Amino acid sequence: MKTALLLLPLFLCGAALRAQDIDSTALLFDDSYVHEFNITFYYPDWEDSLKYWYENGEEYIPARIEYEGLVFDSVGVRYKGNSSYNMSRNTPKKPLKFAFDKYRSKQECYDVETLNFSNATKDPTFLREKICYDMIATRMHAPRTAFAAIKVDGNLLGLFTMVEQVDKKFLKRHFTDNGFNLYKAADNGASLEYRGDAADSYRAEYELKTNEKADDWTRFITMINRLSSVPDAQFRDQLGAWIEFESAIQLLAFNMVMSNFDSYTGSGRNFYVYDDESTGQFTFIPWDINEGFGSYSNNWNVFTQDVLNISNLNRRPLNRRILGDDLLRARYLRAIASLVAGPAHEDSIAAQIARWKPLIDPWVQADQNKLYSYQQFLDNMDRDVMVGPNMPVPGLTRFSQLRNQNLRTQLLNYASMSTDAVPESALLTAWNYPNPVTAQTSVAFVVPTNGEVTFVLFDALGRELRRSAIGAQAPGTYETQIAGQDLDAGVHFYQLILTTASGVVQRAAGKFTVLR
């Protein structure tokens, strides 16, 4: 095997942009078009070198990259991934990572230092990762994505999904302080089980991605210890000071709704945890969700997996403790209901397919190195496709229909579970889809405790247009319909009002836009 030296002279003609009056990273992740990158490697045996250095320490090699008239010299390029690399190792199209500042300090592309490019392994549609990241970003901090065409010496290598790196730049966008410890689950998975007080006991499961020189794992180990040891009666109160529960709950709910089982829920992989010392809480961040829509089963049934009866809870303390607490479990079930009625709804998935498929279709046809045929690209939008021996990948719309139907049944069965232990302070929640509205929109809502529900609709000036008594409701998930054709064009607001027998009043609000 031929290899090449890692270092070349640093050329001075490269360009780099910094954010000034606008968030220039938004330009890089503008997903309304397919971005184009052209790589020029400094030697002809670049494929051998990339393979060698990936398999011997995941090292970069330098290259010249052109993007929208800008030239970046001495950019670090390497292969990335685990299963996505292994499944494509005998093809020209492997997942890539660009590090603009690897050889030139502070070199950036639109204020971004690192970019990831996924090669659609186990995804003939090319859409799983984009749809999944967009979906989970409505619920928690998540990387941005866009589609990108990568060329080498002007020749198309293929169509990729460009994914934002979770690093200090990402943390700066989402947190008040980005200077604290960021941990990533390692390739073999991370269980969040307590293994003693020595940092060395955790290095095989987690990577410390920031403050590596200080190498202080104290708070992380303390959190894991408390996660396993705090008694049930004190769990929510004590761990609430250490874990940002909403991010954990939303991540676990998303994994279940989208059968994203190459995750903490299943394999234990593909998540970050940020120790935000300014709040004292650890926040969870999703990663590598390209195998959503059930393309990684973890030996579970991706259509019927139960959201509470999960076989590996004894090895997943975060999941086990959340599901063991009545109030946190209720929040988890409501998060699932919110996804099913909102961005994971069958109509939403169909709308996303209708939005993205025409954009990438010509690039998929032009991609001579794609891992699956163009016919499989078309088929897998709706139908299951075999991508290997005993390896079916569910069709996007078929998955959403079957999984959501099963989840709705589960939610009805679990609606009254432990309701006596759920206080009246548990929140009424509501959401609607679609938005914008032409014909009608469905407003779904979760009632946490027995009470009378009233629906009120307002126009943009706050004038009441409609009030209707939905009536007495037991805890559960419900829907009501709003006919858009009866309303003027523009923004409208609604409130759902819950009044309990003891007089406690809760309100949940939302808005939508009527189009003409």
Protein backbone atom coordinates (compact mmCIF):
# COMPACT_ATOMS: atom_id res chain seq x y z
CA MET A 1 0.00 0.00 0.00
CA LYS A 2 1.30 3.43 -0.89
CA THR A 3 1.12 6.20 1.68
CA ALA A 4 1.96 9.87 1.67
CA LEU A 5 3.43 12.34 4.10
CA LEU A 6 0.87 14.14 6.24
CA LEU A 7 2.48 17.58 6.09
CA LEU A 8 2.95 19.92 3.20
CA PRO A 9 4.02 23.57 3.15
CA LEU A 10 1.18 25.81 4.20
CA PHE A 11 0.14 27.89 1.24
CA LEU A 12 -0.69 31.51 1.83
CA CYS A 13 -3.30 31.99 -0.89
CA GLY A 14 -6.15 30.30 1.00
CA ALA A 15 -9.23 32.23 2.03
CA ALA A 16 -11.21 32.20 5.26
CA LEU A 17 -14.34 34.03 6.31
CA ARG A 18 -15.47 35.13 9.73
CA ALA A 19 -18.94 36.02 10.94
CA GLN A 20 -19.46 39.76 11.31
CA ASP A 21 -22.91 41.32 11.25
CA ILE A 22 -24.67 38.08 10.30
CA ASP A 23 -24.37 34.46 11.30
CA SER A 24 -22.28 33.34 8.36
CA THR A 25 -22.67 29.70 9.37
CA ALA A 26 -26.30 30.00 8.28
CA LEU A 27 -25.04 30.57 4.72
CA LEU A 28 -23.02 27.36 4.83
CA PHE A 29 -26.05 25.40 6.07
CA ASP A 30 -28.54 27.02 3.72
CA ASP A 31 -30.41 23.87 2.72
CA SER A 32 -32.32 25.38 -0.19
CA TYR A 33 -29.69 24.16 -2.67
CA VAL A 34 -26.99 21.52 -3.05
CA HIS A 35 -23.59 22.91 -2.04
CA GLU A 36 -20.57 22.04 -4.18
CA PHE A 37 -17.03 21.35 -2.95
CA ASN A 38 -14.08 20.50 -5.17
CA ILE A 39 -11.06 18.74 -3.63
CA THR A 40 -7.59 18.75 -5.13
CA PHE A 41 -5.28 16.35 -3.35
CA TYR A 42 -1.56 17.07 -3.46
CA TYR A 43 -0.60 13.62 -4.77
CA PRO A 44 -2.23 10.99 -6.98
CA ASP A 45 -2.47 8.13 -4.46
CA TRP A 46 -4.91 9.97 -2.19
CA GLU A 47 -7.34 7.04 -1.87
CA ASP A 48 -4.63 4.72 -0.57
CA SER A 49 -3.43 7.41 1.82
CA LEU A 50 -6.91 8.19 3.17
CA LYS A 51 -7.54 4.51 3.77
CA TYR A 52 -4.18 3.94 5.42
CA TRP A 53 -4.43 6.90 7.77
CA TYR A 54 -8.06 6.17 8.67
CA GLU A 55 -7.14 2.63 9.67
CA ASN A 56 -4.02 3.78 11.54
CA GLY A 57 -5.26 6.46 13.89
CA GLU A 58 -7.87 8.41 11.87
CA GLU A 59 -5.27 10.93 10.74
CA TYR A 60 -5.87 13.64 8.16
CA ILE A 61 -4.08 14.33 4.91
CA PRO A 62 -3.84 17.85 3.45
CA ALA A 63 -5.74 18.99 0.38
CA ARG A 64 -6.92 22.09 -1.44
CA ILE A 65 -10.66 22.77 -1.36
CA GLU A 66 -12.68 25.14 -3.50
CA TYR A 67 -16.14 26.24 -2.38
CA GLU A 68 -18.27 28.93 -4.03
CA GLY A 69 -15.30 30.83 -5.44
CA LEU A 70 -13.23 30.53 -2.26
CA VAL A 71 -9.99 28.57 -2.09
CA PHE A 72 -8.78 26.90 1.09
CA ASP A 73 -5.26 25.48 1.05
CA SER A 74 -3.93 22.76 3.35
CA VAL A 75 -7.31 21.59 4.64
CA GLY A 76 -7.24 18.34 6.61
CA VAL A 77 -9.29 15.60 4.94
CA ARG A 78 -9.92 12.10 6.26
CA TYR A 79 -12.40 9.28 6.14
CA LYS A 80 -14.80 9.06 9.09
CA GLY A 81 -17.48 6.83 10.54
CA ASN A 82 -17.71 3.32 11.89
CA SER A 83 -20.33 1.13 10.21
CA SER A 84 -20.78 3.71 7.44
CA TYR A 85 -17.09 3.38 6.58
CA ASN A 86 -16.99 -0.40 6.87
CA MET A 87 -20.06 -0.88 4.68
CA SER A 88 -18.58 1.34 1.95
CA ARG A 89 -14.90 0.44 2.31
CA ASN A 90 -14.78 -1.30 -1.08
CA THR A 91 -16.37 1.64 -2.90
CA PRO A 92 -14.96 5.06 -3.88
CA LYS A 93 -17.63 6.83 -1.82
CA LYS A 94 -16.75 6.77 1.85
CA PRO A 95 -17.84 9.27 4.53
CA LEU A 96 -15.53 12.29 4.86
CA LYS A 97 -14.48 14.93 7.35
CA PHE A 98 -12.92 18.32 6.53
CA ALA A 99 -10.82 20.16 9.14
CA PHE A 100 -10.12 23.62 7.72
CA ASP A 101 -7.84 24.58 10.62
CA LYS A 102 -5.85 21.31 10.77
CA TYR A 103 -2.71 22.71 9.16
CA ARG A 104 -3.49 26.42 9.08
CA SER A 105 -4.34 27.86 12.47
CA LYS A 106 -7.70 29.67 12.56
CA GLN A 107 -8.57 28.89 8.95
CA GLU A 108 -12.36 28.66 8.72
CA CYS A 109 -15.08 28.29 6.12
CA TYR A 110 -17.93 30.66 6.93
CA ASP A 111 -16.89 30.61 10.61
CA VAL A 112 -16.85 26.79 10.64
CA GLU A 113 -13.69 24.78 11.35
CA THR A 114 -14.95 21.23 10.74
CA LEU A 115 -17.51 19.66 8.42
CA ASN A 116 -18.80 16.10 8.15
CA PHE A 117 -20.10 14.43 5.00
CA SER A 118 -22.25 11.30 5.26
CA ASN A 119 -22.44 8.93 2.29
CA ALA A 120 -26.00 7.56 2.77
CA THR A 121 -24.95 4.12 3.97
CA LYS A 122 -28.08 1.95 4.42
CA ASP A 123 -30.18 4.77 3.01
CA PRO A 124 -31.13 4.51 -0.66
CA THR A 125 -33.33 7.63 -0.22
CA PHE A 126 -30.44 9.93 0.85
CA LEU A 127 -33.07 11.60 3.09
CA ARG A 128 -32.99 9.83 6.45
CA GLU A 129 -30.30 11.94 8.07
CA LYS A 130 -31.68 15.25 6.82
CA ILE A 131 -35.25 14.56 7.91
CA CYS A 132 -34.19 13.14 11.27
CA TYR A 133 -31.89 16.03 12.17
CA ASP A 134 -34.50 18.59 11.14
CA MET A 135 -37.06 16.77 13.25
CA ILE A 136 -35.02 16.52 16.42
CA ALA A 137 -33.86 20.13 16.07
CA THR A 138 -37.46 21.17 16.80
CA ARG A 139 -37.07 19.63 20.25
CA MET A 140 -33.43 20.09 21.35
CA HIS A 141 -29.99 21.40 20.38
CA ALA A 142 -28.92 19.48 17.26
CA PRO A 143 -26.46 19.79 14.35
CA ARG A 144 -27.61 21.46 11.14
CA THR A 145 -27.50 19.71 7.79
CA ALA A 146 -27.56 20.44 4.07
CA PHE A 147 -26.91 18.45 0.92
CA ALA A 148 -23.50 18.68 -0.73
CA ALA A 149 -21.93 17.43 -3.94
CA ILE A 150 -18.23 16.61 -3.55
CA LYS A 151 -15.91 16.54 -6.54
CA VAL A 152 -12.27 15.50 -6.82
CA ASP A 153 -10.35 17.33 -9.54
CA GLY A 154 -13.70 18.39 -10.98
CA ASN A 155 -15.07 14.85 -11.17
CA LEU A 156 -18.16 14.09 -9.08
CA LEU A 157 -17.34 11.79 -6.17
CA GLY A 158 -20.95 11.78 -5.05
CA LEU A 159 -23.86 13.37 -3.24
CA PHE A 160 -23.43 13.63 0.54
CA THR A 161 -25.26 14.99 3.55
CA MET A 162 -23.21 17.77 5.14
CA VAL A 163 -23.50 17.70 8.94
CA GLU A 164 -22.43 20.34 11.43
CA GLN A 165 -19.69 19.30 13.85
CA VAL A 166 -20.51 19.24 17.58
CA ASP A 167 -17.55 21.28 18.84
CA LYS A 168 -16.86 24.57 20.60
CA LYS A 169 -18.34 26.48 17.66
CA PHE A 170 -21.55 24.49 18.04
CA LEU A 171 -21.56 24.98 21.80
CA LYS A 172 -21.11 28.73 21.37
CA ARG A 173 -24.30 28.87 19.29
CA HIS A 174 -26.39 27.01 21.86
CA PHE A 175 -24.96 27.72 25.32
CA THR A 176 -23.97 30.85 27.23
CA ASP A 177 -20.50 29.40 27.85
CA ASN A 178 -18.70 26.91 25.60
CA GLY A 179 -15.65 26.42 27.79
CA PHE A 180 -16.69 23.33 29.70
CA ASN A 181 -16.27 19.60 29.12
CA LEU A 182 -17.88 17.91 26.11
CA TYR A 183 -18.05 14.10 26.09
CA LYS A 184 -18.87 11.78 23.19
CA ALA A 185 -19.95 8.15 23.34
CA ALA A 186 -17.22 5.96 21.83
CA ASP A 187 -17.71 3.66 18.85
CA ASN A 188 -18.39 0.61 21.01
CA GLY A 189 -21.12 2.39 22.96
CA ALA A 190 -21.52 4.04 26.36
CA SER A 191 -24.04 2.90 28.95
CA LEU A 192 -23.73 5.68 31.59
CA GLU A 193 -23.19 2.96 34.18
CA TYR A 194 -21.05 3.80 37.21
CA ARG A 195 -17.66 2.05 37.13
CA GLY A 196 -15.86 3.63 40.07
CA ASP A 197 -14.14 6.97 40.62
CA ALA A 198 -11.13 6.55 38.31
CA ALA A 199 -11.26 8.38 34.97
CA ASP A 200 -9.42 5.50 33.30
CA SER A 201 -12.48 3.31 33.92
CA TYR A 202 -14.48 5.43 31.47
CA ARG A 203 -12.05 6.15 28.62
CA ALA A 204 -13.08 3.09 26.63
CA GLU A 205 -16.70 4.27 26.56
CA TYR A 206 -16.35 8.05 26.26
CA GLU A 207 -14.10 10.55 24.56
CA LEU A 208 -13.39 13.91 26.18
CA LYS A 209 -13.57 16.32 23.23
CA THR A 210 -12.68 19.60 24.99
CA ASN A 211 -10.26 20.59 27.79
CA GLU A 212 -8.23 17.49 27.04
CA LYS A 213 -5.11 18.80 28.77
CA ALA A 214 -6.91 19.39 32.04
CA ASP A 215 -8.46 15.91 31.68
CA ASP A 216 -10.78 16.45 34.66
CA TRP A 217 -13.60 13.89 34.73
CA THR A 218 -14.70 14.61 38.29
CA ARG A 219 -18.13 16.11 37.64
CA PHE A 220 -18.94 13.59 34.92
CA ILE A 221 -18.18 10.64 37.20
CA THR A 222 -20.14 12.25 40.04
CA MET A 223 -23.17 12.61 37.78
CA ILE A 224 -22.94 8.98 36.65
CA ASN A 225 -22.57 7.81 40.24
CA ARG A 226 -25.67 9.71 41.31
CA LEU A 227 -27.58 8.50 38.28
CA SER A 228 -27.13 4.95 39.53
CA SER A 229 -27.23 5.43 43.30
CA VAL A 230 -29.76 8.11 44.29
CA PRO A 231 -32.91 6.49 45.78
CA ASP A 232 -36.06 6.57 43.67
CA ALA A 233 -37.87 8.94 46.03
CA GLN A 234 -35.15 11.58 45.63
CA PHE A 235 -34.15 10.86 42.05
CA ARG A 236 -36.04 13.59 40.22
CA ASP A 237 -35.19 16.35 42.69
CA GLN A 238 -31.54 15.45 43.15
CA LEU A 239 -30.68 14.53 39.55
CA GLY A 240 -32.60 17.51 38.21
CA ALA A 241 -29.70 19.63 39.48
CA TRP A 242 -27.26 17.49 37.49
CA ILE A 243 -29.10 16.40 34.34
CA GLU A 244 -31.04 18.65 31.98
CA PHE A 245 -33.94 16.21 31.84
CA GLU A 246 -35.69 17.79 28.86
CA SER A 247 -32.80 17.02 26.49
CA ALA A 248 -32.59 13.44 27.78
CA ILE A 249 -36.33 12.90 27.50
CA GLN A 250 -36.56 14.38 24.01
CA LEU A 251 -33.63 12.27 22.79
CA LEU A 252 -35.10 9.06 24.21
CA ALA A 253 -38.52 9.90 22.75
CA PHE A 254 -37.07 10.64 19.32
CA ASN A 255 -35.12 7.37 19.34
CA MET A 256 -38.33 5.45 20.00
CA VAL A 257 -40.53 7.30 17.51
CA MET A 258 -38.01 6.98 14.67
CA SER A 259 -36.69 3.56 15.78
CA ASN A 260 -33.26 5.17 15.88
CA PHE A 261 -31.69 2.29 17.73
CA ASP A 262 -28.04 2.91 16.87
CA SER A 263 -28.20 5.28 19.83
CA TYR A 264 -28.10 5.33 23.62
CA THR A 265 -31.47 3.58 23.55
CA GLY A 266 -30.10 0.63 21.60
CA SER A 267 -26.40 0.22 20.81
CA GLY A 268 -25.28 2.88 23.31
CA ARG A 269 -23.58 4.90 20.55
CA ASN A 270 -24.01 8.29 18.93
CA PHE A 271 -24.63 10.95 21.55
CA TYR A 272 -22.76 13.82 23.16
CA VAL A 273 -23.07 15.15 26.72
CA TYR A 274 -22.11 18.73 27.54
CA ASP A 275 -21.28 19.59 31.16
CA ASP A 276 -22.71 23.12 31.25
CA GLU A 277 -21.20 24.25 34.54
CA SER A 278 -22.95 27.62 34.23
CA THR A 279 -26.21 25.79 35.02
CA GLY A 280 -24.65 22.77 36.73
CA GLN A 281 -26.48 20.43 34.35
CA PHE A 282 -25.37 17.89 31.75
CA THR A 283 -27.19 18.36 28.43
CA PHE A 284 -27.56 15.61 25.82
CA ILE A 285 -26.92 16.27 22.12
CA PRO A 286 -27.85 13.84 19.29
CA TRP A 287 -25.32 12.55 16.79
CA ASP A 288 -25.12 10.30 13.73
CA ILE A 289 -28.84 9.67 13.29
CA ASN A 290 -28.49 8.48 9.72
CA GLU A 291 -30.02 5.09 10.59
CA GLY A 292 -33.37 6.47 11.72
CA PHE A 293 -36.59 5.23 10.14
CA GLY A 294 -35.68 1.77 11.41
CA SER A 295 -32.63 1.01 9.28
CA TYR A 296 -30.76 -0.25 12.39
CA SER A 297 -32.96 -2.62 14.36
CA ASN A 298 -30.78 -3.59 17.35
CA ASN A 299 -32.61 -6.94 16.98
CA TRP A 300 -35.89 -5.20 17.90
CA ASN A 301 -39.00 -4.88 15.79
CA VAL A 302 -38.70 -1.34 14.45
CA PHE A 303 -42.46 -1.07 13.86
CA THR A 304 -43.77 -2.44 17.17
CA GLN A 305 -41.02 -1.91 19.75
CA ASP A 306 -42.70 -0.98 23.04
CA VAL A 307 -41.79 2.46 24.36
CA LEU A 308 -41.70 1.34 28.01
CA ASN A 309 -40.91 -2.39 27.97
CA ILE A 310 -37.33 -2.27 26.73
CA SER A 311 -35.07 -5.29 27.05
CA ASN A 312 -31.81 -3.51 27.94
CA LEU A 313 -32.99 -1.18 30.72
CA ASN A 314 -30.73 -2.94 33.22
CA ARG A 315 -27.77 -1.60 31.18
CA ARG A 316 -29.24 1.87 30.48
CA PRO A 317 -29.58 3.68 33.83
CA LEU A 318 -30.64 7.01 32.28
CA ASN A 319 -33.53 5.38 30.43
CA ARG A 320 -34.41 3.12 33.34
CA ARG A 321 -34.53 5.91 35.92
CA ILE A 322 -36.57 8.27 33.73
CA LEU A 323 -39.12 5.56 32.96
CA GLY A 324 -39.21 4.60 36.64
CA ASP A 325 -40.31 8.09 37.73
CA ASP A 326 -44.03 8.79 37.24
CA LEU A 327 -43.69 12.45 36.27
CA LEU A 328 -40.64 11.99 34.03
CA ARG A 329 -42.29 9.00 32.36
CA ALA A 330 -45.38 11.12 31.69
CA ARG A 331 -43.15 13.80 30.10
CA TYR A 332 -41.51 11.11 27.96
CA LEU A 333 -44.87 9.80 26.75
CA ARG A 334 -46.03 13.34 25.98
CA ALA A 335 -42.82 13.93 24.00
CA ILE A 336 -43.58 10.83 21.94
CA ALA A 337 -47.15 12.00 21.39
CA SER A 338 -45.91 15.43 20.33
CA LEU A 339 -43.57 13.95 17.72
CA VAL A 340 -46.18 11.56 16.35
CA ALA A 341 -48.73 14.36 15.97
CA GLY A 342 -46.14 16.84 14.68
CA PRO A 343 -42.89 16.44 12.74
CA ALA A 344 -43.03 12.61 12.70
CA HIS A 345 -46.65 12.55 11.50
CA GLU A 346 -47.18 10.68 8.24
CA ASP A 347 -48.24 13.87 6.49
CA SER A 348 -45.13 15.65 7.73
CA ILE A 349 -42.85 12.91 6.44
CA ALA A 350 -44.62 12.96 3.09
CA ALA A 351 -44.20 16.76 2.96
CA GLN A 352 -40.49 16.46 3.71
CA ILE A 353 -40.05 13.89 0.96
CA ALA A 354 -41.92 16.16 -1.45
CA ARG A 355 -39.63 19.02 -0.45
CA TRP A 356 -36.23 17.31 -0.66
CA LYS A 357 -36.61 14.64 -3.33
CA PRO A 358 -36.83 17.06 -6.31
CA LEU A 359 -33.79 18.96 -4.98
CA ILE A 360 -31.49 15.96 -4.88
CA ASP A 361 -32.96 13.82 -7.66
CA PRO A 362 -30.66 15.10 -10.46
CA TRP A 363 -27.63 14.71 -8.20
CA VAL A 364 -28.61 11.16 -7.28
CA GLN A 365 -28.87 10.30 -10.95
CA ALA A 366 -25.48 11.90 -11.63
CA ASP A 367 -23.82 10.12 -8.69
CA GLN A 368 -22.07 7.17 -10.34
CA ASN A 369 -20.57 6.07 -7.00
CA LYS A 370 -23.83 5.89 -5.03
CA LEU A 371 -24.16 2.77 -2.95
CA TYR A 372 -27.59 1.85 -4.35
CA SER A 373 -29.36 2.13 -7.68
CA TYR A 374 -31.52 5.01 -8.78
CA GLN A 375 -34.51 2.65 -8.81
CA GLN A 376 -33.83 1.80 -5.16
CA PHE A 377 -33.72 5.54 -4.45
CA LEU A 378 -37.22 5.86 -5.91
CA ASP A 379 -38.58 2.67 -4.34
CA ASN A 380 -37.34 3.30 -0.80
CA MET A 381 -39.36 6.49 -0.47
CA ASP A 382 -42.37 4.21 0.03
CA ARG A 383 -41.29 0.58 -0.01
CA ASP A 384 -38.76 -1.57 1.81
CA VAL A 385 -35.51 -2.18 -0.04
CA MET A 386 -32.91 -4.90 0.55
CA VAL A 387 -29.44 -3.35 0.87
CA GLY A 388 -27.66 -6.59 1.73
CA PRO A 389 -28.28 -10.19 2.77
CA ASN A 390 -31.06 -10.19 5.37
CA MET A 391 -30.80 -6.40 5.54
CA PRO A 392 -34.12 -4.72 4.66
CA VAL A 393 -34.38 -0.94 4.95
CA PRO A 394 -37.95 0.28 5.57
CA GLY A 395 -39.58 2.65 3.11
CA LEU A 396 -39.93 6.12 4.62
CA THR A 397 -43.69 6.47 4.28
CA ARG A 398 -44.38 2.83 5.10
CA PHE A 399 -42.29 3.12 8.26
CA SER A 400 -43.99 6.32 9.42
CA GLN A 401 -47.46 4.89 8.83
CA LEU A 402 -46.84 1.57 10.61
CA ARG A 403 -44.75 2.96 13.44
CA ASN A 404 -47.11 5.84 14.18
CA GLN A 405 -50.14 3.56 14.12
CA ASN A 406 -48.46 1.31 16.68
CA LEU A 407 -47.34 4.26 18.81
CA ARG A 408 -50.83 5.75 18.91
CA THR A 409 -52.15 2.45 20.23
CA GLN A 410 -49.41 2.30 22.84
CA LEU A 411 -50.09 5.88 23.94
CA LEU A 412 -53.77 5.12 24.43
CA ASN A 413 -52.90 2.06 26.48
CA TYR A 414 -50.45 4.01 28.63
CA ALA A 415 -52.51 7.23 28.88
CA SER A 416 -53.82 6.51 32.37
CA MET A 417 -50.68 4.82 33.68
CA SER A 418 -49.79 6.02 37.19
CA THR A 419 -52.00 9.08 36.82
CA ASP A 420 -52.62 9.21 40.55
CA ALA A 421 -48.92 9.91 41.00
CA VAL A 422 -48.87 12.69 38.39
CA PRO A 423 -49.61 16.02 40.11
CA GLU A 424 -51.94 18.64 38.69
CA SER A 425 -48.83 20.71 38.04
CA ALA A 426 -47.94 18.33 35.20
CA LEU A 427 -48.22 20.42 32.07
CA LEU A 428 -50.98 20.54 29.52
CA THR A 429 -49.24 20.49 26.12
CA ALA A 430 -50.50 21.22 22.62
CA TRP A 431 -49.17 21.39 19.06
CA ASN A 432 -50.59 21.48 15.55
CA TYR A 433 -49.79 20.17 12.08
CA PRO A 434 -49.64 21.11 9.26
CA ASN A 435 -48.41 24.68 9.43
CA PRO A 436 -48.86 26.72 7.22
CA VAL A 437 -52.51 25.77 6.70
CA THR A 438 -54.53 25.66 3.49
CA ALA A 439 -57.43 23.26 4.08
CA GLN A 440 -57.25 22.34 7.77
CA THR A 441 -54.87 21.79 10.66
CA SER A 442 -55.05 19.28 13.49
CA VAL A 443 -54.43 20.51 17.01
CA ALA A 444 -53.26 17.67 19.23
CA PHE A 445 -53.04 18.04 22.98
CA VAL A 446 -52.10 15.96 26.00
CA VAL A 447 -54.24 16.24 29.12
CA PRO A 448 -52.14 15.35 32.20
CA THR A 449 -55.01 15.02 34.71
CA ASN A 450 -58.83 14.96 34.80
CA GLY A 451 -60.46 18.24 33.88
CA GLU A 452 -62.65 20.33 31.59
CA VAL A 453 -61.02 21.40 28.32
CA THR A 454 -61.97 24.52 26.34
CA PHE A 455 -60.61 25.59 22.95
CA VAL A 456 -60.30 29.29 22.02
CA LEU A 457 -59.18 30.71 18.64
CA PHE A 458 -57.87 34.28 18.12
CA ASP A 459 -56.86 36.37 15.14
CA ALA A 460 -53.55 38.23 14.84
CA LEU A 461 -54.97 41.21 16.77
CA GLY A 462 -55.96 39.01 19.70
CA ARG A 463 -59.66 39.13 18.94
CA GLU A 464 -61.54 35.98 19.94
CA LEU A 465 -62.92 34.24 16.85
CA ARG A 466 -64.21 30.99 18.28
CA ARG A 467 -64.68 29.28 21.65
CA SER A 468 -65.79 25.70 22.05
CA ALA A 469 -66.14 23.44 25.05
CA ILE A 470 -64.37 20.15 24.35
CA GLY A 471 -65.67 18.90 27.69
CA ALA A 472 -64.48 16.64 30.47
CA GLN A 473 -61.39 14.67 29.56
CA ALA A 474 -59.40 11.97 31.33
CA PRO A 475 -55.60 11.95 31.03
CA GLY A 476 -54.61 11.14 27.47
CA THR A 477 -53.83 12.46 23.99
CA TYR A 478 -56.57 14.08 21.89
CA GLU A 479 -57.08 15.99 18.63
CA THR A 480 -59.37 18.73 17.40
CA GLN A 481 -59.61 20.08 13.85
CA ILE A 482 -59.52 23.68 12.59
CA ALA A 483 -60.84 24.38 9.08
CA GLY A 484 -58.47 26.81 7.37
CA GLN A 485 -60.88 27.68 4.56
CA ASP A 486 -63.15 29.42 7.10
CA LEU A 487 -60.36 31.78 8.21
CA ASP A 488 -58.74 34.85 6.71
CA ALA A 489 -55.17 34.57 5.47
CA GLY A 490 -52.48 35.35 8.04
CA VAL A 491 -51.39 34.35 11.53
CA HIS A 492 -53.86 32.90 14.04
CA PHE A 493 -53.41 31.90 17.67
CA TYR A 494 -55.16 29.34 19.83
CA GLN A 495 -55.39 28.37 23.49
CA LEU A 496 -56.44 25.16 25.16
CA ILE A 497 -57.64 25.72 28.72
CA LEU A 498 -57.75 22.91 31.27
CA THR A 499 -59.72 23.42 34.49
CA THR A 500 -59.44 20.70 37.14
CA ALA A 501 -62.00 19.83 39.81
CA SER A 502 -59.99 21.75 42.41
CA GLY A 503 -59.98 24.88 40.27
CA VAL A 504 -56.43 24.66 38.91
CA VAL A 505 -56.31 26.28 35.46
CA GLN A 506 -53.68 25.49 32.82
CA ARG A 507 -53.25 26.96 29.36
CA ALA A 508 -51.37 25.66 26.34
CA ALA A 509 -50.98 27.92 23.31
CA GLY A 510 -49.91 27.71 19.69
CA LYS A 511 -50.12 29.54 16.39
CA PHE A 512 -50.41 28.82 12.68
CA THR A 513 -50.50 30.70 9.40
CA VAL A 514 -53.36 30.40 6.91
CA LEU A 515 -52.31 30.62 3.25
CA ARG A 516 -54.47 31.59 0.32
